Structures are given as C-alpha cells and as structure tokens.
Amino acid sequence: VKSVEDIISLYTTRTRNHDRSKQRMRTLRDYYNGDVIIPLPELDSDEKSAVANLLAQGLDQTAMRIASTSPDIFCPPVDTKTKRARDNATIRRKALFGWWEHSRMDLQLAKRARHLIGYATNVVQLRFDKKVGAPIWQVRDPLTTYPAPMPNVDDMRPADVIFAYNRTLGWIRQMYPEAARKFSGDGTTTEDEPIDLIEYIDDMEQVLVGMRAPVQTSMFM
C-alpha cells in the first residue's frame, strides 16, 4: 500500500520524465483547437484573414475513417456438437455487445482514433460499474496520464498508472462529501473552485489524492 507522500513523489518524478513528450502533445492540441497565434501580414480594416485549420481537418478525417469500421466479437462454443453450447456462445457474444453499448463504444473508438493519430498513443481504462453490474470502457486523456515504465513496446498494461486532472469543489462535494468539508475551509470557497486530483491505480489498490494547490515538481527530488 502506497502512502500519499509516495504517490505524490512518484507523480512528480513521472511529470519530469514525460515533460518533453507532453509538451509536444500540448503543442499539437493547441494547433488543433486553434489556440496558436499565427503572425499574418497587415490587412486593411475591411479585410479578414482566412486560414484553414488543415491539421484539424486531416486529423478528424483520418480518425473517422479508422473508427468507421467497428470490431466484431466471436465467442466459440465449448462444444460445437451440442445446441446448448452454441446457444451459450451466442448469449456470451450478445452480453459483450451489451457491455459495448453501455460504454458507447462507437464514441470511444472515435476518440481513441483521434488520440492515436494526434498523440501516437491512446489510453483506455477498463473498470467495473457497480450501478450496472458490468464492466465499462473509459477513454482517458493521454495528456493527464502517467503510466509506469514499460520495457517492451508491445506491452499494453503498465504495472501502475497515475492520472492527474482537476475537478470543481462542487463535484468533490457531490462525490466525496466528507473530503469536500476539508476543502471548503472557512466557507468562502465557491463551488467552481478547482481542486487538483491525483489518481493512482495498480492491481491492488486505487487511491485518489486531492490538493488545492498545484503540485510543485521541486517538492520531491
């Protein structure tokens, strides 16, 4: 079991190690969203600049082509000679398709394709939905994902992973009322106050750490 200090120290180490690749991802994201300022020649007052965002068009079109074909599911029967085994295989296949429908797999595949084309990577978390009683696929943001080092390029599952993101105090209050009281302070904090969250997941535990101030990478050496 890792302590909060261990998780924060591990997070700061990985942010330093991934800083260069994350910066390239952020640059591409800014170009995709049109947030990059491009110097243009001076125009008359009645003229407007027209610059096509070819990056966004090319990325979206390629991603849509990738996601246009959905994968199929095949569940072989345990015994091909009996009708009961074949029926059970059909039931298993339908159950898996039901899980995909619950996860909106069509949208997940489109998002994964955009991440793969733009960032050359994509992150998917498979977790159990207690309300539905079924597994659910969730695409996570590669910009906020810090997996454990994987020695082989073919490795698909890291030993552990850290997600760093922020949520509002109102969201914290809805999901974790006890923790929200500690962030409320003297009661003057608004519901829109951002709270930084560090989520650590491995095969034994899942820990969520909340911090009001951003984690400084110089806190731990």
Protein backbone atom coordinates (compact mmCIF):
# COMPACT_ATOMS: atom_id res chain seq x y z
CA VAL A 1 0.00 0.00 0.00
CA LYS A 2 1.47 3.32 -1.08
CA SER A 3 1.20 6.38 1.11
CA VAL A 4 0.05 9.76 -0.14
CA GLU A 5 3.63 11.02 0.01
CA ASP A 6 4.84 8.09 -2.10
CA ILE A 7 2.16 8.72 -4.72
CA ILE A 8 2.95 12.44 -4.98
CA SER A 9 6.67 11.72 -5.19
CA LEU A 10 6.05 9.17 -7.94
CA TYR A 11 3.84 11.65 -9.77
CA THR A 12 6.43 14.44 -9.69
CA THR A 13 9.11 12.07 -10.97
CA ARG A 14 6.97 10.96 -13.89
CA THR A 15 5.96 14.51 -14.80
CA ARG A 16 9.64 15.36 -15.18
CA ASN A 17 10.33 12.23 -17.21
CA HIS A 18 7.33 12.82 -19.51
CA ASP A 19 7.69 16.60 -19.76
CA ARG A 20 9.13 16.68 -23.30
CA SER A 21 6.56 14.31 -24.82
CA LYS A 22 3.67 16.01 -23.00
CA GLN A 23 4.83 19.38 -24.29
CA ARG A 24 4.70 18.10 -27.86
CA MET A 25 1.18 16.81 -27.22
CA ARG A 26 0.08 20.16 -25.78
CA THR A 27 1.51 21.99 -28.79
CA LEU A 28 -0.45 19.78 -31.18
CA ARG A 29 -3.59 20.21 -29.07
CA ASP A 30 -3.26 23.99 -29.25
CA TYR A 31 -2.89 23.89 -33.04
CA TYR A 32 -5.88 21.56 -33.29
CA ASN A 33 -8.04 23.85 -31.15
CA GLY A 34 -6.86 26.98 -32.99
CA ASP A 35 -5.26 28.47 -29.88
CA VAL A 36 -1.92 29.23 -31.55
CA ILE A 37 -1.35 32.81 -32.69
CA ILE A 38 -0.01 32.93 -36.26
CA PRO A 39 1.55 36.25 -37.40
CA LEU A 40 -0.04 37.46 -40.65
CA PRO A 41 0.65 40.45 -42.92
CA GLU A 42 -1.18 43.63 -42.08
CA LEU A 43 -4.67 43.77 -43.53
CA ASP A 44 -6.94 46.65 -44.31
CA SER A 45 -9.76 47.38 -41.91
CA ASP A 46 -12.31 45.82 -44.28
CA GLU A 47 -10.31 42.60 -44.81
CA LYS A 48 -10.33 39.46 -42.71
CA SER A 49 -7.73 36.74 -42.59
CA ALA A 50 -8.78 33.26 -43.69
CA VAL A 51 -6.56 30.41 -42.53
CA ALA A 52 -7.84 26.86 -42.82
CA ASN A 53 -7.04 24.57 -39.92
CA LEU A 54 -5.71 21.76 -42.08
CA LEU A 55 -4.39 19.91 -39.04
CA ALA A 56 -7.85 19.56 -37.51
CA GLN A 57 -9.40 18.58 -40.83
CA GLY A 58 -6.80 15.95 -41.63
CA LEU A 59 -6.81 14.51 -38.13
CA ASP A 60 -10.59 14.31 -37.90
CA GLN A 61 -11.00 12.76 -41.34
CA THR A 62 -8.36 10.11 -40.72
CA ALA A 63 -9.79 9.32 -37.30
CA MET A 64 -13.30 8.98 -38.73
CA ARG A 65 -12.03 6.54 -41.34
CA ILE A 66 -10.37 4.45 -38.64
CA ALA A 67 -13.47 4.44 -36.42
CA SER A 68 -15.89 3.81 -39.29
CA THR A 69 -15.32 0.06 -39.04
CA SER A 70 -16.25 -1.48 -35.70
CA PRO A 71 -14.54 -4.65 -34.47
CA ASP A 72 -16.55 -7.84 -34.24
CA ILE A 73 -16.83 -10.29 -31.36
CA PHE A 74 -16.54 -14.04 -31.77
CA CYS A 75 -17.27 -16.41 -28.89
CA PRO A 76 -16.52 -20.02 -29.86
CA PRO A 77 -18.76 -22.66 -28.28
CA VAL A 78 -17.22 -25.06 -25.79
CA ASP A 79 -18.66 -27.96 -27.75
CA THR A 80 -19.60 -27.41 -31.39
CA LYS A 81 -21.69 -30.57 -31.45
CA THR A 82 -24.33 -29.55 -28.90
CA LYS A 83 -27.00 -26.91 -29.37
CA ARG A 84 -26.77 -25.82 -25.73
CA ALA A 85 -23.08 -24.95 -26.10
CA ARG A 86 -23.77 -22.99 -29.29
CA ASP A 87 -26.64 -21.11 -27.62
CA ASN A 88 -24.43 -20.25 -24.64
CA ALA A 89 -21.78 -18.91 -27.01
CA THR A 90 -24.41 -16.71 -28.66
CA ILE A 91 -25.51 -15.42 -25.24
CA ARG A 92 -21.92 -14.56 -24.32
CA ARG A 93 -21.48 -12.66 -27.58
CA LYS A 94 -24.69 -10.69 -27.03
CA ALA A 95 -23.63 -9.89 -23.45
CA LEU A 96 -20.33 -8.47 -24.68
CA PHE A 97 -22.12 -6.37 -27.27
CA GLY A 98 -24.39 -5.13 -24.48
CA TRP A 99 -21.37 -4.02 -22.47
CA TRP A 100 -20.06 -2.20 -25.53
CA GLU A 101 -23.40 -0.46 -26.00
CA HIS A 102 -23.40 0.63 -22.36
CA SER A 103 -19.91 2.08 -22.85
CA ARG A 104 -20.92 3.86 -26.09
CA MET A 105 -18.15 2.04 -27.88
CA ASP A 106 -18.77 3.96 -31.11
CA LEU A 107 -17.84 7.23 -29.41
CA GLN A 108 -14.96 5.61 -27.55
CA LEU A 109 -13.45 4.30 -30.78
CA ALA A 110 -13.71 7.71 -32.43
CA LYS A 111 -11.97 9.38 -29.50
CA ARG A 112 -9.29 6.69 -29.40
CA ALA A 113 -8.63 7.17 -33.11
CA ARG A 114 -8.16 10.93 -32.67
CA HIS A 115 -5.74 10.36 -29.80
CA LEU A 116 -3.84 7.73 -31.79
CA ILE A 117 -3.43 9.98 -34.84
CA GLY A 118 -2.66 13.14 -32.87
CA TYR A 119 -0.68 11.85 -29.88
CA ALA A 120 0.56 8.49 -31.26
CA THR A 121 -0.95 6.86 -28.18
CA ASN A 122 -4.29 6.27 -26.51
CA VAL A 123 -5.29 5.26 -23.01
CA VAL A 124 -8.27 3.09 -22.08
CA GLN A 125 -9.32 2.17 -18.56
CA LEU A 126 -11.49 -0.90 -18.07
CA ARG A 127 -13.35 -0.69 -14.77
CA PHE A 128 -16.40 -2.21 -13.12
CA ASP A 129 -19.61 -0.18 -12.96
CA LYS A 130 -21.30 -1.13 -9.69
CA LYS A 131 -24.58 0.54 -10.62
CA VAL A 132 -24.99 -1.53 -13.78
CA GLY A 133 -23.08 -4.59 -12.64
CA ALA A 134 -20.95 -4.72 -15.78
CA PRO A 135 -17.51 -3.60 -16.97
CA ILE A 136 -17.22 -0.25 -18.71
CA TRP A 137 -14.60 1.08 -21.11
CA GLN A 138 -13.41 4.64 -20.48
CA VAL A 139 -11.01 6.56 -22.73
CA ARG A 140 -8.65 8.71 -20.65
CA ASP A 141 -6.74 11.81 -21.71
CA PRO A 142 -3.13 10.96 -22.68
CA LEU A 143 -2.08 14.45 -21.56
CA THR A 144 -3.02 13.65 -17.96
CA THR A 145 -1.81 10.03 -17.94
CA TYR A 146 1.49 8.91 -16.41
CA PRO A 147 1.96 5.14 -16.67
CA ALA A 148 4.76 3.11 -15.14
CA PRO A 149 7.69 2.49 -17.49
CA MET A 150 7.12 -0.44 -19.85
CA PRO A 151 10.31 -2.04 -21.20
CA ASN A 152 8.71 -3.59 -24.28
CA VAL A 153 6.89 -1.59 -26.95
CA ASP A 154 4.28 -4.33 -27.18
CA ASP A 155 3.29 -4.01 -23.51
CA MET A 156 -0.34 -2.95 -23.20
CA ARG A 157 -0.79 -2.93 -19.42
CA PRO A 158 1.58 -0.96 -17.16
CA ALA A 159 2.19 -2.12 -13.60
CA ASP A 160 0.51 1.05 -12.35
CA VAL A 161 -0.71 4.36 -13.71
CA ILE A 162 -1.30 7.88 -12.42
CA PHE A 163 -3.96 10.23 -13.75
CA ALA A 164 -3.67 13.93 -12.90
CA TYR A 165 -6.65 16.21 -13.53
CA ASN A 166 -8.84 18.75 -11.73
CA ARG A 167 -12.46 18.88 -10.67
CA THR A 168 -14.55 21.60 -9.09
CA LEU A 169 -15.34 21.73 -5.41
CA GLY A 170 -18.98 21.15 -6.31
CA TRP A 171 -18.06 17.86 -7.97
CA ILE A 172 -16.00 16.88 -4.91
CA ARG A 173 -18.93 17.74 -2.66
CA GLN A 174 -21.26 15.56 -4.70
CA MET A 175 -18.93 12.56 -4.92
CA TYR A 176 -16.99 12.83 -1.65
CA PRO A 177 -18.91 14.95 0.89
CA GLU A 178 -16.50 14.28 3.78
CA ALA A 179 -13.46 15.34 1.78
CA ALA A 180 -15.28 18.43 0.47
CA ARG A 181 -15.62 19.79 4.00
CA LYS A 182 -11.83 19.91 4.32
CA PHE A 183 -11.53 21.87 1.08
CA SER A 184 -14.32 24.29 1.99
CA GLY A 185 -12.21 25.97 4.65
CA ASP A 186 -13.99 28.94 6.20
CA GLY A 187 -16.95 28.56 3.85
CA THR A 188 -15.93 31.32 1.43
CA THR A 189 -14.75 28.87 -1.26
CA THR A 190 -17.07 28.78 -4.26
CA GLU A 191 -18.44 25.62 -5.86
CA ASP A 192 -16.38 26.35 -9.00
CA GLU A 193 -13.07 26.32 -7.13
CA PRO A 194 -10.75 23.87 -8.97
CA ILE A 195 -9.25 21.03 -6.97
CA ASP A 196 -6.25 19.13 -8.34
CA LEU A 197 -6.67 15.35 -8.18
CA ILE A 198 -4.04 12.63 -8.46
CA GLU A 199 -5.48 9.18 -9.11
CA TYR A 200 -3.18 6.20 -8.55
CA ILE A 201 -4.22 2.75 -9.80
CA ASP A 202 -2.48 -0.62 -9.69
CA ASP A 203 -3.63 -4.23 -9.42
CA MET A 204 -4.10 -3.95 -5.65
CA GLU A 205 -5.50 -0.51 -4.91
CA GLN A 206 -6.95 2.72 -6.26
CA VAL A 207 -6.10 5.93 -4.40
CA LEU A 208 -7.45 9.42 -5.11
CA VAL A 209 -5.49 12.34 -3.68
CA GLY A 210 -6.93 15.86 -3.71
CA MET A 211 -4.84 19.02 -3.46
CA ARG A 212 -5.93 22.64 -3.51
CA ALA A 213 -2.63 24.00 -4.88
CA PRO A 214 -0.84 22.56 -7.93
CA VAL A 215 1.85 20.01 -7.12
CA GLN A 216 5.29 21.57 -7.47
CA THR A 217 7.77 19.30 -9.23
CA SER A 218 10.52 20.60 -6.95
CA MET A 219 8.79 19.30 -3.83
CA PHE A 220 10.44 15.90 -4.16
CA MET A 221 13.86 15.03 -5.55
